[in-house]
Protein backbone atom coordinates (compact mmCIF):
# COMPACT_ATOMS: atom_id res chain seq x y z
CA MET A 1 3.02 -19.51 4.88
CA ALA A 2 5.57 -16.49 3.92
CA GLU A 3 7.44 -14.59 6.81
CA VAL A 4 7.66 -10.92 6.75
CA VAL A 5 10.43 -9.05 8.86
CA VAL A 6 9.85 -5.60 9.60
CA LYS A 7 12.01 -2.97 11.36
CA ILE A 8 10.25 -0.48 13.30
CA PRO A 9 11.74 3.15 13.90
CA ASP A 10 12.48 3.47 17.49
CA ASP A 11 9.93 6.44 18.27
CA LEU A 12 7.35 3.75 17.18
CA THR A 13 9.11 1.13 19.48
CA GLU A 14 8.76 3.62 22.49
CA GLU A 15 5.11 3.65 21.58
CA PHE A 16 4.41 -0.01 21.42
CA LYS A 17 5.80 -0.31 25.22
CA ASP A 18 2.49 1.81 26.18
CA VAL A 19 -0.11 -0.28 24.42
CA LYS A 20 -1.56 -3.36 25.84
CA PRO A 21 -0.45 -6.27 24.19
CA VAL A 22 -1.98 -6.59 20.52
CA PHE A 23 -2.60 -9.27 18.12
CA TRP A 24 0.12 -7.75 15.64
CA GLN A 25 -0.42 -10.50 12.97
CA LEU A 26 -4.07 -9.78 12.66
CA ILE A 27 -3.09 -6.05 12.06
CA VAL A 28 -0.99 -6.92 9.38
CA ASP A 29 -3.07 -9.28 7.82
CA ARG A 30 -5.63 -6.51 7.94
CA THR A 31 -3.60 -4.26 6.45
CA ILE A 32 -2.02 -6.34 3.87
CA ASN A 33 -5.54 -7.26 2.84
CA GLU A 34 -6.74 -3.69 2.49
CA GLU A 35 -3.98 -2.78 0.47
CA LEU A 36 -4.06 -5.58 -2.00
CA ALA A 37 -7.79 -4.79 -2.82
CA ARG A 38 -6.78 -1.17 -3.11
CA LEU A 39 -4.34 -2.00 -5.93
CA ARG A 40 -6.73 -4.66 -7.32
CA MET A 41 -9.53 -1.70 -7.79
CA LEU A 42 -6.84 0.34 -9.19
CA LYS A 43 -5.78 -2.24 -11.70
CA GLN A 44 -9.16 -2.73 -12.71
CA ILE A 45 -9.85 0.84 -13.38
CA VAL A 46 -6.64 1.53 -15.26
CA SER A 47 -7.28 -1.73 -17.46
CA ARG A 48 -10.67 -0.07 -18.45
CA SER A 49 -8.64 3.42 -19.34
CA LYS A 50 -8.37 4.46 -22.87
CA LEU A 51 -5.03 6.04 -22.29
CA THR A 52 -2.29 4.97 -24.12
CA LYS A 53 1.62 5.61 -23.63
CA LYS A 54 1.78 8.24 -25.90
CA ASP A 55 -1.13 10.07 -24.46
CA ASP A 56 0.50 10.09 -21.21
CA ALA A 57 4.18 11.22 -22.66
CA ALA A 58 2.25 13.83 -24.11
CA THR A 59 0.42 15.11 -20.94
CA THR A 60 3.67 14.83 -18.98
CA THR A 61 5.47 16.82 -21.44
CA THR A 62 2.86 19.82 -21.41
CA GLY A 63 2.23 20.02 -17.72
CA THR A 64 -1.71 19.21 -18.15
C-alpha cells in the first residue's frame, strides 16, 4: 500500500484539537475515491468530445 504524507496548515491543526478522534484514514480514502470517480467521469466525457486542439485554440484566441 502506498503512503501519503499530508502537511496541514496551523489553523486547521488547531481545529483538529477541538474534534473528537476521527478515523482520518477513512476520510482520506473516501475523499480520494470520490475525486478519482469524478476524474474518471470527466475523462469519459472528454473522450466523447469532438472538440479538437485546433478548435480549442480558436475559441481561446477569440474569447468565446
